[in-house]
Amino acid sequence: MQVASTIKQGNVTWGLARISHKENFSHDYVSTYGEGENITFYGIDSGIDINQADFTGRARWGINLADNVDTDCYGHGTHTAGTVAGQKFGILKKASIVSIKILDCHGYGDITRYINGLNWAINDAKERGLLGKSVMNISLKTRRSRAVNEATVRAQEAGIFIAVAAGNQATNAEFYSPGSAPEVCTVGASTRNDTKAIFSNYGELGMSWPCIVFCIIGANVVNDGSRPVRAWRVHPIHLTP
């Protein structure tokens, strides 16, 4: 056995600091779990700017199911990927990053793209021997859909850990998918004061409420991929590792 190495990063944003301390209002990030070596993050979203400097050459383009623009022209996917795996603001600072684009330049997609994107991720992870070593953040929602929930559960059962945003409507997450799938880890948002963010959805259908006070940082999250955040308030990415 070996003593786990400790990683420490000072003067970080509040969200990154919060997940590594029992006490609030710390200013550094400390981890004894490594930096995501041998982990692959699949970002199913609006695409990812794979040339973003904060990704340090670890990002690759997976598949584009939305349009013929092989970049993130909306910004949401790059923002979430930066919080998961960016060098400066991310948690998995050495993880591989794969872009799965299902949203267009206006942030819109459909169920078919979503399901096809999940299936592509499963097949890619299987072919590359990444099942059991992969994570996925899903900051998307639609009205409750059996097809969406079942496809999401298939990906998790295949070996991709999935964290799903509860949503930003201040209502019960059971009305939306994939957050209503009880088998996945659906999470809400907290504030700097360890309270539920006023906009965060809630519920009991698989939601990781006990983790919300220290895992789910949902308000005023900043990273190198940020544009004005607009409605991008709940991301389960601080739980993904």
C-alpha atoms as a PDB file:
ATOM      1  CA  MET A   1       0.000   0.000   0.000  1.00  0.00           C
ATOM      2  CA  GLN A   2       1.040   3.576  -0.645  1.00  0.00           C
ATOM      3  CA  VAL A   3       0.213   6.838   1.016  1.00  0.00           C
ATOM      4  CA  ALA A   4      -2.026   8.811  -1.330  1.00  0.00           C
ATOM      5  CA  SER A   5      -0.421  11.959  -2.649  1.00  0.00           C
ATOM      6  CA  THR A   6      -2.075  15.212  -1.656  1.00  0.00           C
ATOM      7  CA  ILE A   7      -2.888  17.825  -4.268  1.00  0.00           C
ATOM      8  CA  LYS A   8      -3.342  21.383  -3.092  1.00  0.00           C
ATOM      9  CA  GLN A   9      -4.358  24.432  -5.124  1.00  0.00           C
ATOM     10  CA  GLY A  10      -4.632  27.823  -3.466  1.00  0.00           C
ATOM     11  CA  ASN A  11      -6.798  30.869  -4.111  1.00  0.00           C
ATOM     12  CA  VAL A  12      -9.501  28.964  -5.980  1.00  0.00           C
ATOM     13  CA  THR A  13     -13.131  29.790  -6.680  1.00  0.00           C
ATOM     14  CA  TRP A  14     -15.609  29.087  -3.890  1.00  0.00           C
ATOM     15  CA  GLY A  15     -17.140  26.057  -5.565  1.00  0.00           C
ATOM     16  CA  LEU A  16     -13.844  24.237  -5.981  1.00  0.00           C
ATOM     17  CA  ALA A  17     -12.793  25.046  -2.426  1.00  0.00           C
ATOM     18  CA  ARG A  18     -16.120  23.967  -0.936  1.00  0.00           C
ATOM     19  CA  ILE A  19     -16.021  20.365  -2.118  1.00  0.00           C
ATOM     20  CA  SER A  20     -12.773  19.562  -0.315  1.00  0.00           C
ATOM     21  CA  HIS A  21     -13.532  21.015   3.128  1.00  0.00           C
ATOM     22  CA  LYS A  22     -16.085  20.198   5.803  1.00  0.00           C
ATOM     23  CA  GLU A  23     -16.022  23.832   6.857  1.00  0.00           C
ATOM     24  CA  ASN A  24     -17.314  26.614   4.641  1.00  0.00           C
ATOM     25  CA  PHE A  25     -15.456  29.669   3.318  1.00  0.00           C
ATOM     26  CA  SER A  26     -12.106  28.013   2.622  1.00  0.00           C
ATOM     27  CA  HIS A  27      -9.936  29.377  -0.167  1.00  0.00           C
ATOM     28  CA  ASP A  28      -7.972  26.346  -1.325  1.00  0.00           C
ATOM     29  CA  TYR A  29      -8.713  23.016  -2.977  1.00  0.00           C
ATOM     30  CA  VAL A  30      -7.235  19.860  -1.464  1.00  0.00           C
ATOM     31  CA  SER A  31      -7.542  16.332  -2.835  1.00  0.00           C
ATOM     32  CA  THR A  32      -6.016  12.963  -2.007  1.00  0.00           C
ATOM     33  CA  TYR A  33      -7.850  11.205  -4.843  1.00  0.00           C
ATOM     34  CA  GLY A  34      -5.561  12.190  -7.694  1.00  0.00           C
ATOM     35  CA  GLU A  35      -6.336  14.436 -10.627  1.00  0.00           C
ATOM     36  CA  GLY A  36      -8.378  12.155 -12.835  1.00  0.00           C
ATOM     37  CA  GLU A  37      -5.562  10.178 -14.396  1.00  0.00           C
ATOM     38  CA  ASN A  38      -7.010   7.303 -16.469  1.00  0.00           C
ATOM     39  CA  ILE A  39     -10.509   8.819 -16.247  1.00  0.00           C
ATOM     40  CA  THR A  40     -12.478   9.917 -19.312  1.00  0.00           C
ATOM     41  CA  PHE A  41     -15.135  12.614 -19.158  1.00  0.00           C
ATOM     42  CA  TYR A  42     -17.880  12.518 -21.807  1.00  0.00           C
ATOM     43  CA  GLY A  43     -19.523  15.909 -22.256  1.00  0.00           C
ATOM     44  CA  ILE A  44     -22.949  15.516 -23.896  1.00  0.00           C
ATOM     45  CA  ASP A  45     -23.990  19.085 -24.488  1.00  0.00           C
ATOM     46  CA  SER A  46     -23.446  21.918 -26.990  1.00  0.00           C
ATOM     47  CA  GLY A  47     -20.000  20.641 -27.906  1.00  0.00           C
ATOM     48  CA  ILE A  48     -16.643  21.539 -26.379  1.00  0.00           C
ATOM     49  CA  ASP A  49     -13.973  23.949 -27.551  1.00  0.00           C
ATOM     50  CA  ILE A  50     -11.268  21.292 -27.605  1.00  0.00           C
ATOM     51  CA  ASN A  51      -8.596  23.928 -28.239  1.00  0.00           C
ATOM     52  CA  GLN A  52      -9.356  25.776 -24.995  1.00  0.00           C
ATOM     53  CA  ALA A  53      -5.976  26.289 -23.298  1.00  0.00           C
ATOM     54  CA  ASP A  54      -7.302  25.132 -19.927  1.00  0.00           C
ATOM     55  CA  PHE A  55      -7.822  21.634 -21.339  1.00  0.00           C
ATOM     56  CA  THR A  56      -4.053  21.297 -21.993  1.00  0.00           C
ATOM     57  CA  GLY A  57      -4.461  19.119 -25.086  1.00  0.00           C
ATOM     58  CA  ARG A  58      -6.572  16.468 -23.322  1.00  0.00           C
ATOM     59  CA  ALA A  59      -9.809  17.119 -25.246  1.00  0.00           C
ATOM     60  CA  ARG A  60     -10.919  15.405 -28.443  1.00  0.00           C
ATOM     61  CA  TRP A  61     -13.933  15.679 -30.673  1.00  0.00           C
ATOM     62  CA  GLY A  62     -16.232  12.690 -30.376  1.00  0.00           C
ATOM     63  CA  ILE A  63     -19.324  13.140 -32.530  1.00  0.00           C
ATOM     64  CA  ASN A  64     -21.543  15.961 -33.761  1.00  0.00           C
ATOM     65  CA  LEU A  65     -25.230  15.044 -33.897  1.00  0.00           C
ATOM     66  CA  ALA A  66     -26.531  18.619 -33.927  1.00  0.00           C
ATOM     67  CA  ASP A  67     -25.236  20.433 -37.017  1.00  0.00           C
ATOM     68  CA  ASN A  68     -22.192  20.851 -39.252  1.00  0.00           C
ATOM     69  CA  VAL A  69     -20.363  23.225 -36.889  1.00  0.00           C
ATOM     70  CA  ASP A  70     -17.687  21.189 -35.137  1.00  0.00           C
ATOM     71  CA  THR A  71     -17.186  23.553 -32.235  1.00  0.00           C
ATOM     72  CA  ASP A  72     -19.112  24.877 -29.250  1.00  0.00           C
ATOM     73  CA  CYS A  73     -20.936  27.882 -30.675  1.00  0.00           C
ATOM     74  CA  TYR A  74     -23.245  28.153 -27.639  1.00  0.00           C
ATOM     75  CA  GLY A  75     -20.722  27.910 -24.817  1.00  0.00           C
ATOM     76  CA  HIS A  76     -22.536  25.704 -22.329  1.00  0.00           C
ATOM     77  CA  GLY A  77     -20.608  22.519 -23.068  1.00  0.00           C
ATOM     78  CA  THR A  78     -17.222  24.203 -22.744  1.00  0.00           C
ATOM     79  CA  HIS A  79     -18.303  25.799 -19.476  1.00  0.00           C
ATOM     80  CA  THR A  80     -19.319  22.492 -17.923  1.00  0.00           C
ATOM     81  CA  ALA A  81     -16.246  20.676 -19.252  1.00  0.00           C
ATOM     82  CA  GLY A  82     -14.034  23.358 -17.742  1.00  0.00           C
ATOM     83  CA  THR A  83     -15.599  22.843 -14.338  1.00  0.00           C
ATOM     84  CA  VAL A  84     -15.173  19.087 -14.577  1.00  0.00           C
ATOM     85  CA  ALA A  85     -11.715  18.849 -16.101  1.00  0.00           C
ATOM     86  CA  GLY A  86     -10.136  22.255 -16.645  1.00  0.00           C
ATOM     87  CA  GLN A  87      -6.572  22.715 -15.446  1.00  0.00           C
ATOM     88  CA  LYS A  88      -7.316  25.843 -13.420  1.00  0.00           C
ATOM     89  CA  PHE A  89     -10.926  25.520 -12.316  1.00  0.00           C
ATOM     90  CA  GLY A  90     -11.591  21.803 -12.761  1.00  0.00           C
ATOM     91  CA  ILE A  91     -11.511  18.756 -10.515  1.00  0.00           C
ATOM     92  CA  LEU A  92     -10.252  16.082 -12.924  1.00  0.00           C
ATOM     93  CA  LYS A  93      -7.263  18.099 -14.074  1.00  0.00           C
ATOM     94  CA  LYS A  94      -5.642  15.213 -15.959  1.00  0.00           C
ATOM     95  CA  ALA A  95      -8.738  13.456 -17.296  1.00  0.00           C
ATOM     96  CA  SER A  96      -9.360  12.901 -20.985  1.00  0.00           C
ATOM     97  CA  ILE A  97     -12.255  14.949 -22.380  1.00  0.00           C
ATOM     98  CA  VAL A  98     -14.613  13.865 -25.168  1.00  0.00           C
ATOM     99  CA  SER A  99     -17.109  16.182 -26.862  1.00  0.00           C
ATOM    100  CA  ILE A 100     -20.545  14.857 -27.817  1.00  0.00           C
ATOM    101  CA  LYS A 101     -22.520  17.640 -29.473  1.00  0.00           C
ATOM    102  CA  ILE A 102     -26.307  17.312 -29.387  1.00  0.00           C
ATOM    103  CA  LEU A 103     -27.301  20.981 -28.947  1.00  0.00           C
ATOM    104  CA  ASP A 104     -27.097  23.557 -31.736  1.00  0.00           C
ATOM    105  CA  CYS A 105     -25.775  27.121 -31.601  1.00  0.00           C
ATOM    106  CA  HIS A 106     -28.994  28.247 -29.883  1.00  0.00           C
ATOM    107  CA  GLY A 107     -28.827  25.564 -27.201  1.00  0.00           C
ATOM    108  CA  TYR A 108     -31.576  23.371 -28.630  1.00  0.00           C
ATOM    109  CA  GLY A 109     -31.626  19.639 -29.301  1.00  0.00           C
ATOM    110  CA  ASP A 110     -34.047  16.733 -29.272  1.00  0.00           C
ATOM    111  CA  ILE A 111     -34.557  13.350 -27.665  1.00  0.00           C
ATOM    112  CA  THR A 112     -33.260  11.414 -30.661  1.00  0.00           C
ATOM    113  CA  ARG A 113     -29.928  13.232 -30.598  1.00  0.00           C
ATOM    114  CA  TYR A 114     -29.665  12.706 -26.871  1.00  0.00           C
ATOM    115  CA  ILE A 115     -30.256   8.963 -27.049  1.00  0.00           C
ATOM    116  CA  ASN A 116     -27.910   8.595 -30.017  1.00  0.00           C
ATOM    117  CA  GLY A 117     -25.267  10.552 -28.125  1.00  0.00           C
ATOM    118  CA  LEU A 118     -25.527   8.248 -25.129  1.00  0.00           C
ATOM    119  CA  ASN A 119     -25.306   5.174 -27.339  1.00  0.00           C
ATOM    120  CA  TRP A 120     -22.237   6.605 -29.062  1.00  0.00           C
ATOM    121  CA  ALA A 121     -20.571   7.175 -25.686  1.00  0.00           C
ATOM    122  CA  ILE A 122     -21.287   3.603 -24.585  1.00  0.00           C
ATOM    123  CA  ASN A 123     -19.815   2.190 -27.786  1.00  0.00           C
ATOM    124  CA  ASP A 124     -16.782   4.478 -27.685  1.00  0.00           C
ATOM    125  CA  ALA A 125     -16.049   3.609 -24.062  1.00  0.00           C
ATOM    126  CA  LYS A 126     -16.463  -0.092 -24.799  1.00  0.00           C
ATOM    127  CA  GLU A 127     -14.143  -0.017 -27.813  1.00  0.00           C
ATOM    128  CA  ARG A 128     -11.463   1.891 -25.903  1.00  0.00           C
ATOM    129  CA  GLY A 129     -11.726  -0.121 -22.693  1.00  0.00           C
ATOM    130  CA  LEU A 130     -13.059   2.858 -20.737  1.00  0.00           C
ATOM    131  CA  LEU A 131     -16.176   1.361 -19.165  1.00  0.00           C
ATOM    132  CA  GLY A 132     -15.862   1.639 -15.413  1.00  0.00           C
ATOM    133  CA  LYS A 133     -13.399   4.493 -15.866  1.00  0.00           C
ATOM    134  CA  SER A 134     -15.698   7.087 -17.415  1.00  0.00           C
ATOM    135  CA  VAL A 135     -17.974   9.839 -16.122  1.00  0.00           C
ATOM    136  CA  MET A 136     -20.635  11.980 -17.759  1.00  0.00           C
ATOM    137  CA  ASN A 137     -22.265  15.237 -16.744  1.00  0.00           C
ATOM    138  CA  ILE A 138     -25.797  15.861 -18.045  1.00  0.00           C
ATOM    139  CA  SER A 139     -26.960  19.442 -17.521  1.00  0.00           C
ATOM    140  CA  LEU A 140     -29.991  19.016 -19.783  1.00  0.00           C
ATOM    141  CA  LYS A 141     -33.673  18.370 -19.293  1.00  0.00           C
ATOM    142  CA  THR A 142     -36.927  17.671 -21.070  1.00  0.00           C
ATOM    143  CA  ARG A 143     -40.414  16.773 -19.929  1.00  0.00           C
ATOM    144  CA  ARG A 144     -40.493  13.390 -18.233  1.00  0.00           C
ATOM    145  CA  SER A 145     -39.767  10.750 -20.846  1.00  0.00           C
ATOM    146  CA  ARG A 146     -39.522   7.006 -20.409  1.00  0.00           C
ATOM    147  CA  ALA A 147     -37.256   6.739 -23.456  1.00  0.00           C
ATOM    148  CA  VAL A 148     -34.852   9.364 -22.111  1.00  0.00           C
ATOM    149  CA  ASN A 149     -34.741   7.813 -18.648  1.00  0.00           C
ATOM    150  CA  GLU A 150     -34.187   4.303 -19.966  1.00  0.00           C
ATOM    151  CA  ALA A 151     -31.387   5.414 -22.296  1.00  0.00           C
ATOM    152  CA  THR A 152     -29.669   7.237 -19.438  1.00  0.00           C
ATOM    153  CA  VAL A 153     -29.902   4.224 -17.151  1.00  0.00           C
ATOM    154  CA  ARG A 154     -28.458   1.993 -19.895  1.00  0.00           C
ATOM    155  CA  ALA A 155     -25.390   4.206 -20.083  1.00  0.00           C
ATOM    156  CA  GLN A 156     -24.907   4.092 -16.332  1.00  0.00           C
ATOM    157  CA  GLU A 157     -25.385   0.346 -16.152  1.00  0.00           C
ATOM    158  CA  ALA A 158     -22.881  -0.065 -18.988  1.00  0.00           C
ATOM    159  CA  GLY A 159     -20.189   1.510 -16.805  1.00  0.00           C
ATOM    160  CA  ILE A 160     -20.365   5.296 -17.239  1.00  0.00           C
ATOM    161  CA  PHE A 161     -21.040   7.145 -13.984  1.00  0.00           C
ATOM    162  CA  ILE A 162     -23.689   9.783 -14.679  1.00  0.00           C
ATOM    163  CA  ALA A 163     -24.530  12.926 -12.721  1.00  0.00           C
ATOM    164  CA  VAL A 164     -27.703  14.731 -13.825  1.00  0.00           C
ATOM    165  CA  ALA A 165     -28.834  18.273 -13.056  1.00  0.00           C
ATOM    166  CA  ALA A 166     -32.143  18.453 -11.215  1.00  0.00           C
ATOM    167  CA  GLY A 167     -33.068  21.644 -13.088  1.00  0.00           C
ATOM    168  CA  ASN A 168     -33.617  25.339 -12.425  1.00  0.00           C
ATOM    169  CA  GLN A 169     -37.404  25.644 -12.095  1.00  0.00           C
ATOM    170  CA  ALA A 170     -37.725  25.468  -8.279  1.00  0.00           C
ATOM    171  CA  THR A 171     -40.103  22.540  -8.658  1.00  0.00           C
ATOM    172  CA  ASN A 172     -40.060  18.773  -8.220  1.00  0.00           C
ATOM    173  CA  ALA A 173     -37.500  17.024 -10.416  1.00  0.00           C
ATOM    174  CA  GLU A 174     -39.894  14.119 -10.980  1.00  0.00           C
ATOM    175  CA  PHE A 175     -41.520  16.119 -13.789  1.00  0.00           C
ATOM    176  CA  TYR A 176     -38.357  16.136 -15.928  1.00  0.00           C
ATOM    177  CA  SER A 177     -35.977  13.711 -17.592  1.00  0.00           C
ATOM    178  CA  PRO A 178     -33.360  12.404 -17.245  1.00  0.00           C
ATOM    179  CA  GLY A 179     -33.404  13.737 -13.678  1.00  0.00           C
ATOM    180  CA  SER A 180     -36.457  11.642 -12.761  1.00  0.00           C
ATOM    181  CA  ALA A 181     -34.668   8.352 -13.446  1.00  0.00           C
ATOM    182  CA  PRO A 182     -34.178   6.922  -9.912  1.00  0.00           C
ATOM    183  CA  GLU A 183     -31.127   4.880 -10.892  1.00  0.00           C
ATOM    184  CA  VAL A 184     -28.983   7.905 -11.781  1.00  0.00           C
ATOM    185  CA  CYS A 185     -27.455  10.496  -9.479  1.00  0.00           C
ATOM    186  CA  THR A 186     -29.702  13.544  -9.783  1.00  0.00           C
ATOM    187  CA  VAL A 187     -28.531  16.595  -7.870  1.00  0.00           C
ATOM    188  CA  GLY A 188     -29.632  20.104  -6.997  1.00  0.00           C
ATOM    189  CA  ALA A 189     -27.719  23.318  -6.354  1.00  0.00           C
ATOM    190  CA  SER A 190     -26.371  24.925  -3.207  1.00  0.00           C
ATOM    191  CA  THR A 191     -25.211  28.447  -2.389  1.00  0.00           C
ATOM    192  CA  ARG A 192     -22.140  29.857  -0.671  1.00  0.00           C
ATOM    193  CA  ASN A 193     -24.044  29.623   2.613  1.00  0.00           C
ATOM    194  CA  ASP A 194     -24.779  25.902   2.209  1.00  0.00           C
ATOM    195  CA  THR A 195     -28.465  26.427   1.557  1.00  0.00           C
ATOM    196  CA  LYS A 196     -30.514  25.161  -1.366  1.00  0.00           C
ATOM    197  CA  ALA A 197     -30.323  27.628  -4.231  1.00  0.00           C
ATOM    198  CA  ILE A 198     -33.709  29.293  -4.661  1.00  0.00           C
ATOM    199  CA  PHE A 199     -33.960  28.189  -8.302  1.00  0.00           C
ATOM    200  CA  SER A 200     -32.940  24.566  -7.732  1.00  0.00           C
ATOM    201  CA  ASN A 201     -35.354  21.719  -8.349  1.00  0.00           C
ATOM    202  CA  TYR A 202     -35.844  19.182  -5.577  1.00  0.00           C
ATOM    203  CA  GLY A 203     -37.331  15.757  -4.895  1.00  0.00           C
ATOM    204  CA  GLU A 204     -36.686  12.227  -3.712  1.00  0.00           C
ATOM    205  CA  LEU A 205     -36.493  10.253  -6.956  1.00  0.00           C
ATOM    206  CA  GLY A 206     -32.831   9.332  -6.730  1.00  0.00           C
ATOM    207  CA  MET A 207     -31.756  12.864  -5.878  1.00  0.00           C
ATOM    208  CA  SER A 208     -28.547  13.009  -3.851  1.00  0.00           C
ATOM    209  CA  TRP A 209     -29.891  15.516  -1.376  1.00  0.00           C
ATOM    210  CA  PRO A 210     -27.411  14.556   1.398  1.00  0.00           C
ATOM    211  CA  CYS A 211     -24.601  15.636  -0.935  1.00  0.00           C
ATOM    212  CA  ILE A 212     -26.077  18.976  -1.865  1.00  0.00           C
ATOM    213  CA  VAL A 213     -24.423  21.003   0.890  1.00  0.00           C
ATOM    214  CA  PHE A 214     -20.908  20.035  -0.076  1.00  0.00           C
ATOM    215  CA  CYS A 215     -21.002  18.466  -3.501  1.00  0.00           C
ATOM    216  CA  ILE A 216     -23.343  20.473  -5.652  1.00  0.00           C
ATOM    217  CA  ILE A 217     -22.108  23.975  -6.216  1.00  0.00           C
ATOM    218  CA  GLY A 218     -24.721  25.660  -8.356  1.00  0.00           C
ATOM    219  CA  ALA A 219     -24.667  29.444  -8.026  1.00  0.00           C
ATOM    220  CA  ASN A 220     -22.126  31.816  -9.597  1.00  0.00           C
ATOM    221  CA  VAL A 221     -19.760  29.142 -10.899  1.00  0.00           C
ATOM    222  CA  VAL A 222     -16.838  30.538 -12.907  1.00  0.00           C
ATOM    223  CA  ASN A 223     -14.245  28.889 -15.129  1.00  0.00           C
ATOM    224  CA  ASP A 224     -12.035  29.628 -18.118  1.00  0.00           C
ATOM    225  CA  GLY A 225     -14.752  28.491 -20.515  1.00  0.00           C
ATOM    226  CA  SER A 226     -17.328  30.903 -19.147  1.00  0.00           C
ATOM    227  CA  ARG A 227     -19.480  33.288 -21.112  1.00  0.00           C
ATOM    228  CA  PRO A 228     -22.163  35.160 -19.175  1.00  0.00           C
ATOM    229  CA  VAL A 229     -23.760  32.223 -17.412  1.00  0.00           C
ATOM    230  CA  ARG A 230     -27.397  33.175 -18.068  1.00  0.00           C
ATOM    231  CA  ALA A 231     -29.493  30.136 -17.091  1.00  0.00           C
ATOM    232  CA  TRP A 232     -26.533  27.812 -16.594  1.00  0.00           C
ATOM    233  CA  ARG A 233     -27.063  27.639 -12.891  1.00  0.00           C
ATOM    234  CA  VAL A 234     -27.310  23.975 -11.947  1.00  0.00           C
ATOM    235  CA  HIS A 235     -24.472  21.715 -12.985  1.00  0.00           C
ATOM    236  CA  PRO A 236     -23.876  18.444 -11.131  1.00  0.00           C
ATOM    237  CA  ILE A 237     -20.239  18.635 -12.162  1.00  0.00           C
ATOM    238  CA  HIS A 238     -18.865  19.185  -8.682  1.00  0.00           C
ATOM    239  CA  LEU A 239     -20.155  15.723  -7.826  1.00  0.00           C
ATOM    240  CA  THR A 240     -19.014  13.950 -10.989  1.00  0.00           C
ATOM    241  CA  PRO A 241     -15.671  12.614  -9.678  1.00  0.00           C
END
